[in-house]
């Protein structure tokens, strides 16, 4: 008698059931192409705060490079992080530790450099804000602006079935936060690093955390 039994034949009814359940699916577009779906939101966030609420009063002193130029760079970084999350979401193409370090490190390095350069050229601090009104406005405005990009990114990533959903969520949460902050800094008049890191970057950190929570929730569904 053979040590290995022959595999049982699949019943015809089961075979028909499987065949009827099969559906052709459209392959996912490359991550950079799907990230481009966020471009209209990114452009809207870049210009809305400045057009609706006004341009920061030191814009002339800062010049184009440290206003629209720096914000355009931050927008590009945000879209790049979302594209990275979309790649991370596809099984078999997860990001290496070096790529992840480059992604998060670039965001940290660029925002820190822009903050201190802006402060060096135009040092404007908050002299008095006992009710933390300015702090609350900047935090709430940045978080609220990030929500559309956060939701769309979450939906796109969930379609790819990420094996590390919280990591993918951190990437697109950070990206959405940077997209929002890129526009908000065009309006905010205060360049003090204590304000920028205490309000703007706090809001970006909150959107990063929100991305992780959203990705984990979507993965369970």
Protein backbone atom coordinates (compact mmCIF):
# COMPACT_ATOMS: atom_id res chain seq x y z
CA UNK A 1 0.00 0.00 0.00
CA UNK A 2 1.36 3.45 -0.94
CA UNK A 3 2.45 5.75 1.87
CA UNK A 4 0.76 8.73 0.17
CA UNK A 5 -2.92 8.48 -0.61
CA UNK A 6 -4.04 9.89 -3.95
CA UNK A 7 -5.81 13.27 -3.64
CA UNK A 8 -9.58 13.02 -3.69
CA UNK A 9 -11.25 14.25 -6.87
CA UNK A 10 -13.09 17.54 -6.51
CA UNK A 11 -16.88 17.01 -6.66
CA UNK A 12 -18.44 18.36 -9.83
CA UNK A 13 -20.87 20.53 -7.85
CA UNK A 14 -18.04 22.20 -5.95
CA UNK A 15 -16.12 22.73 -9.18
CA UNK A 16 -19.15 24.44 -10.75
CA UNK A 17 -19.65 26.58 -7.67
CA UNK A 18 -16.06 27.80 -7.77
CA UNK A 19 -16.25 28.46 -11.51
CA UNK A 20 -19.43 30.51 -11.10
CA UNK A 21 -17.86 32.55 -8.33
CA UNK A 22 -14.83 33.61 -10.36
CA UNK A 23 -14.89 37.19 -11.62
CA UNK A 24 -12.34 39.06 -13.67
CA UNK A 25 -10.80 41.96 -11.75
CA UNK A 26 -9.00 45.01 -13.02
CA UNK A 27 -5.33 45.08 -11.96
CA UNK A 28 -4.32 47.84 -9.58
CA UNK A 29 -2.58 50.77 -11.23
CA UNK A 30 0.99 51.55 -10.11
CA UNK A 31 1.19 53.35 -6.74
CA UNK A 32 2.34 56.64 -8.29
CA UNK A 33 -0.67 56.63 -10.60
CA UNK A 34 -3.13 55.98 -7.79
CA UNK A 35 -1.43 58.63 -5.63
CA UNK A 36 -2.13 61.11 -8.45
CA UNK A 37 -5.83 60.76 -7.59
CA UNK A 38 -4.95 62.86 -4.52
CA UNK A 39 -3.48 65.66 -6.65
CA UNK A 40 -6.71 67.73 -6.88
CA UNK A 41 -7.10 67.54 -3.09
CA UNK A 42 -3.44 68.48 -2.64
CA UNK A 43 -3.74 71.54 -4.90
CA UNK A 44 -6.95 72.60 -3.18
CA UNK A 45 -5.33 72.35 0.25
CA UNK A 46 -2.29 74.27 -0.96
CA UNK A 47 -4.25 77.32 -2.06
CA UNK A 48 -7.43 77.34 0.04
CA UNK A 49 -6.12 78.68 3.36
CA UNK A 50 -4.22 81.50 1.70
CA UNK A 51 -7.05 82.51 -0.61
CA UNK A 52 -9.84 82.22 1.95
CA UNK A 53 -8.08 83.35 5.15
CA UNK A 54 -5.33 85.49 3.66
CA UNK A 55 -1.59 85.27 3.01
CA UNK A 56 0.78 85.49 5.99
CA UNK A 57 1.92 89.07 6.61
CA UNK A 58 5.63 88.28 6.21
CA UNK A 59 5.22 86.67 2.78
CA UNK A 60 7.14 89.47 1.03
CA UNK A 61 10.03 89.17 3.48
CA UNK A 62 10.15 85.39 3.10
CA UNK A 63 9.95 85.50 -0.68
CA UNK A 64 8.61 82.86 -3.03
CA UNK A 65 11.08 80.16 -1.95
CA UNK A 66 10.01 80.06 1.71
CA UNK A 67 6.29 80.51 1.04
CA UNK A 68 4.90 78.80 -2.05
CA UNK A 69 8.18 77.02 -2.84
CA UNK A 70 8.48 75.42 0.60
CA UNK A 71 4.79 74.54 0.65
CA UNK A 72 5.04 72.96 -2.81
CA UNK A 73 7.94 70.84 -1.52
CA UNK A 74 5.87 69.80 1.50
CA UNK A 75 2.98 68.90 -0.82
CA UNK A 76 5.32 66.78 -2.94
CA UNK A 77 6.56 64.99 0.18
CA UNK A 78 2.98 64.33 1.26
CA UNK A 79 2.06 62.80 -2.09
CA UNK A 80 5.27 60.76 -2.03
CA UNK A 81 4.38 59.31 1.38
CA UNK A 82 0.90 58.40 0.16
CA UNK A 83 2.45 56.71 -2.89
CA UNK A 84 4.74 54.79 -0.52
CA UNK A 85 1.73 53.66 1.50
CA UNK A 86 0.06 52.41 -1.68
CA UNK A 87 3.14 50.35 -2.50
CA UNK A 88 3.28 49.06 1.07
CA UNK A 89 -0.35 47.96 0.68
CA UNK A 90 0.40 45.48 -2.11
CA UNK A 91 1.52 42.05 -0.79
CA UNK A 92 4.96 41.19 -2.11
CA UNK A 93 6.05 44.82 -2.61
CA UNK A 94 6.32 45.91 1.02
CA UNK A 95 8.90 48.58 1.75
CA UNK A 96 12.31 47.77 3.17
CA UNK A 97 13.57 49.29 6.41
CA UNK A 98 15.87 51.55 4.44
CA UNK A 99 12.99 52.82 2.30
CA UNK A 100 10.85 53.42 5.38
CA UNK A 101 13.66 55.29 7.10
CA UNK A 102 14.13 57.42 3.99
CA UNK A 103 10.39 58.17 3.79
CA UNK A 104 9.92 59.19 7.43
CA UNK A 105 13.35 60.80 7.67
CA UNK A 106 12.77 62.97 4.59
CA UNK A 107 9.51 64.28 6.03
CA UNK A 108 11.12 65.07 9.38
CA UNK A 109 14.23 66.61 7.88
CA UNK A 110 12.40 68.77 5.34
CA UNK A 111 9.83 70.15 7.78
CA UNK A 112 12.49 70.88 10.40
CA UNK A 113 14.71 72.66 7.87
CA UNK A 114 11.81 74.73 6.51
CA UNK A 115 10.75 75.69 10.02
CA UNK A 116 14.14 76.99 11.11
CA UNK A 117 14.87 78.71 7.80
CA UNK A 118 11.55 80.52 8.01
CA UNK A 119 12.27 81.53 11.61
CA UNK A 120 15.76 82.74 10.66
CA UNK A 121 14.50 84.95 7.83
CA UNK A 122 11.34 86.18 9.58
CA UNK A 123 11.23 85.57 13.35
CA UNK A 124 7.63 86.13 14.48
CA UNK A 125 6.52 84.73 17.83
CA UNK A 126 3.18 84.69 19.63
CA UNK A 127 3.53 87.34 22.32
CA UNK A 128 0.31 86.67 24.19
CA UNK A 129 -2.27 83.92 23.81
CA UNK A 130 -3.57 83.02 27.28
CA UNK A 131 -6.54 81.02 25.97
CA UNK A 132 -4.39 79.14 23.42
CA UNK A 133 -6.77 80.36 20.71
CA UNK A 134 -4.09 80.51 18.00
CA UNK A 135 -2.79 77.08 18.99
CA UNK A 136 -6.27 75.58 18.82
CA UNK A 137 -7.02 77.18 15.45
CA UNK A 138 -3.82 75.85 13.86
CA UNK A 139 -4.24 72.35 15.27
CA UNK A 140 -7.92 72.10 14.33
CA UNK A 141 -7.42 73.68 10.90
CA UNK A 142 -4.57 71.37 9.95
CA UNK A 143 -6.36 68.23 11.14
CA UNK A 144 -9.64 69.20 9.45
CA UNK A 145 -7.87 69.95 6.18
CA UNK A 146 -6.17 66.54 6.22
CA UNK A 147 -9.38 64.53 6.58
CA UNK A 148 -10.36 64.32 2.86
CA UNK A 149 -6.90 63.11 1.85
CA UNK A 150 -6.88 60.73 4.82
CA UNK A 151 -10.19 59.11 3.84
CA UNK A 152 -9.34 58.77 0.14
CA UNK A 153 -5.89 57.36 0.92
CA UNK A 154 -7.39 54.90 3.39
CA UNK A 155 -9.83 53.62 0.78
CA UNK A 156 -7.10 53.24 -1.84
CA UNK A 157 -4.76 51.42 0.54
CA UNK A 158 -7.50 49.09 1.78
CA UNK A 159 -8.08 47.90 -1.80
CA UNK A 160 -4.51 46.61 -1.88
CA UNK A 161 -4.86 44.33 1.18
CA UNK A 162 -1.84 45.55 3.20
CA UNK A 163 -0.12 42.96 5.35
CA UNK A 164 1.15 45.74 7.66
CA UNK A 165 -1.92 47.99 7.79
CA UNK A 166 -0.79 50.21 10.67
CA UNK A 167 2.48 50.98 8.92
CA UNK A 168 0.65 51.81 5.69
CA UNK A 169 -1.75 53.96 7.71
CA UNK A 170 1.12 55.84 9.34
CA UNK A 171 2.55 56.61 5.90
CA UNK A 172 -0.65 57.98 4.41
CA UNK A 173 -1.66 59.67 7.68
CA UNK A 174 1.64 61.54 7.71
CA UNK A 175 1.26 62.32 4.01
CA UNK A 176 -2.25 63.72 4.49
CA UNK A 177 -1.04 65.84 7.40
CA UNK A 178 1.77 67.33 5.32
CA UNK A 179 -0.64 68.11 2.48
CA UNK A 180 -2.81 70.07 4.89
CA UNK A 181 0.08 71.82 6.65
CA UNK A 182 1.54 72.87 3.31
CA UNK A 183 -1.48 75.09 2.74
CA UNK A 184 -1.99 76.13 6.36
CA UNK A 185 1.56 77.54 6.67
CA UNK A 186 0.75 79.94 3.80
CA UNK A 187 -1.83 81.53 6.13
CA UNK A 188 -0.26 81.17 9.58
CA UNK A 189 1.67 84.34 10.51
CA UNK A 190 3.85 82.81 13.22
CA UNK A 191 7.22 81.25 12.43
CA UNK A 192 8.34 80.50 16.00
CA UNK A 193 9.51 76.85 16.06
CA UNK A 194 7.75 76.41 19.41
CA UNK A 195 4.46 77.22 17.68
CA UNK A 196 5.19 75.24 14.52
CA UNK A 197 6.20 72.07 16.37
CA UNK A 198 3.70 72.60 19.16
CA UNK A 199 0.69 73.13 16.91
CA UNK A 200 1.31 72.35 13.23
CA UNK A 201 3.49 69.28 13.71
CA UNK A 202 1.32 68.11 16.58
CA UNK A 203 -1.61 68.14 14.15
CA UNK A 204 0.45 66.19 11.60
CA UNK A 205 1.28 63.66 14.32
CA UNK A 206 -2.43 63.34 15.10
CA UNK A 207 -3.25 62.63 11.44
CA UNK A 208 -0.47 60.01 11.41
CA UNK A 209 -2.07 58.31 14.41
CA UNK A 210 -5.51 58.63 12.78
CA UNK A 211 -4.16 56.92 9.67
CA UNK A 212 -2.93 53.99 11.74
CA UNK A 213 -6.30 53.64 13.47
CA UNK A 214 -8.21 53.93 10.19
CA UNK A 215 -5.99 51.38 8.43
CA UNK A 216 -6.33 48.89 11.28
CA UNK A 217 -10.13 49.30 11.27
CA UNK A 218 -10.38 48.88 7.50
CA UNK A 219 -8.17 45.79 7.56
CA UNK A 220 -10.57 44.10 9.98
CA UNK A 221 -13.48 44.83 7.67
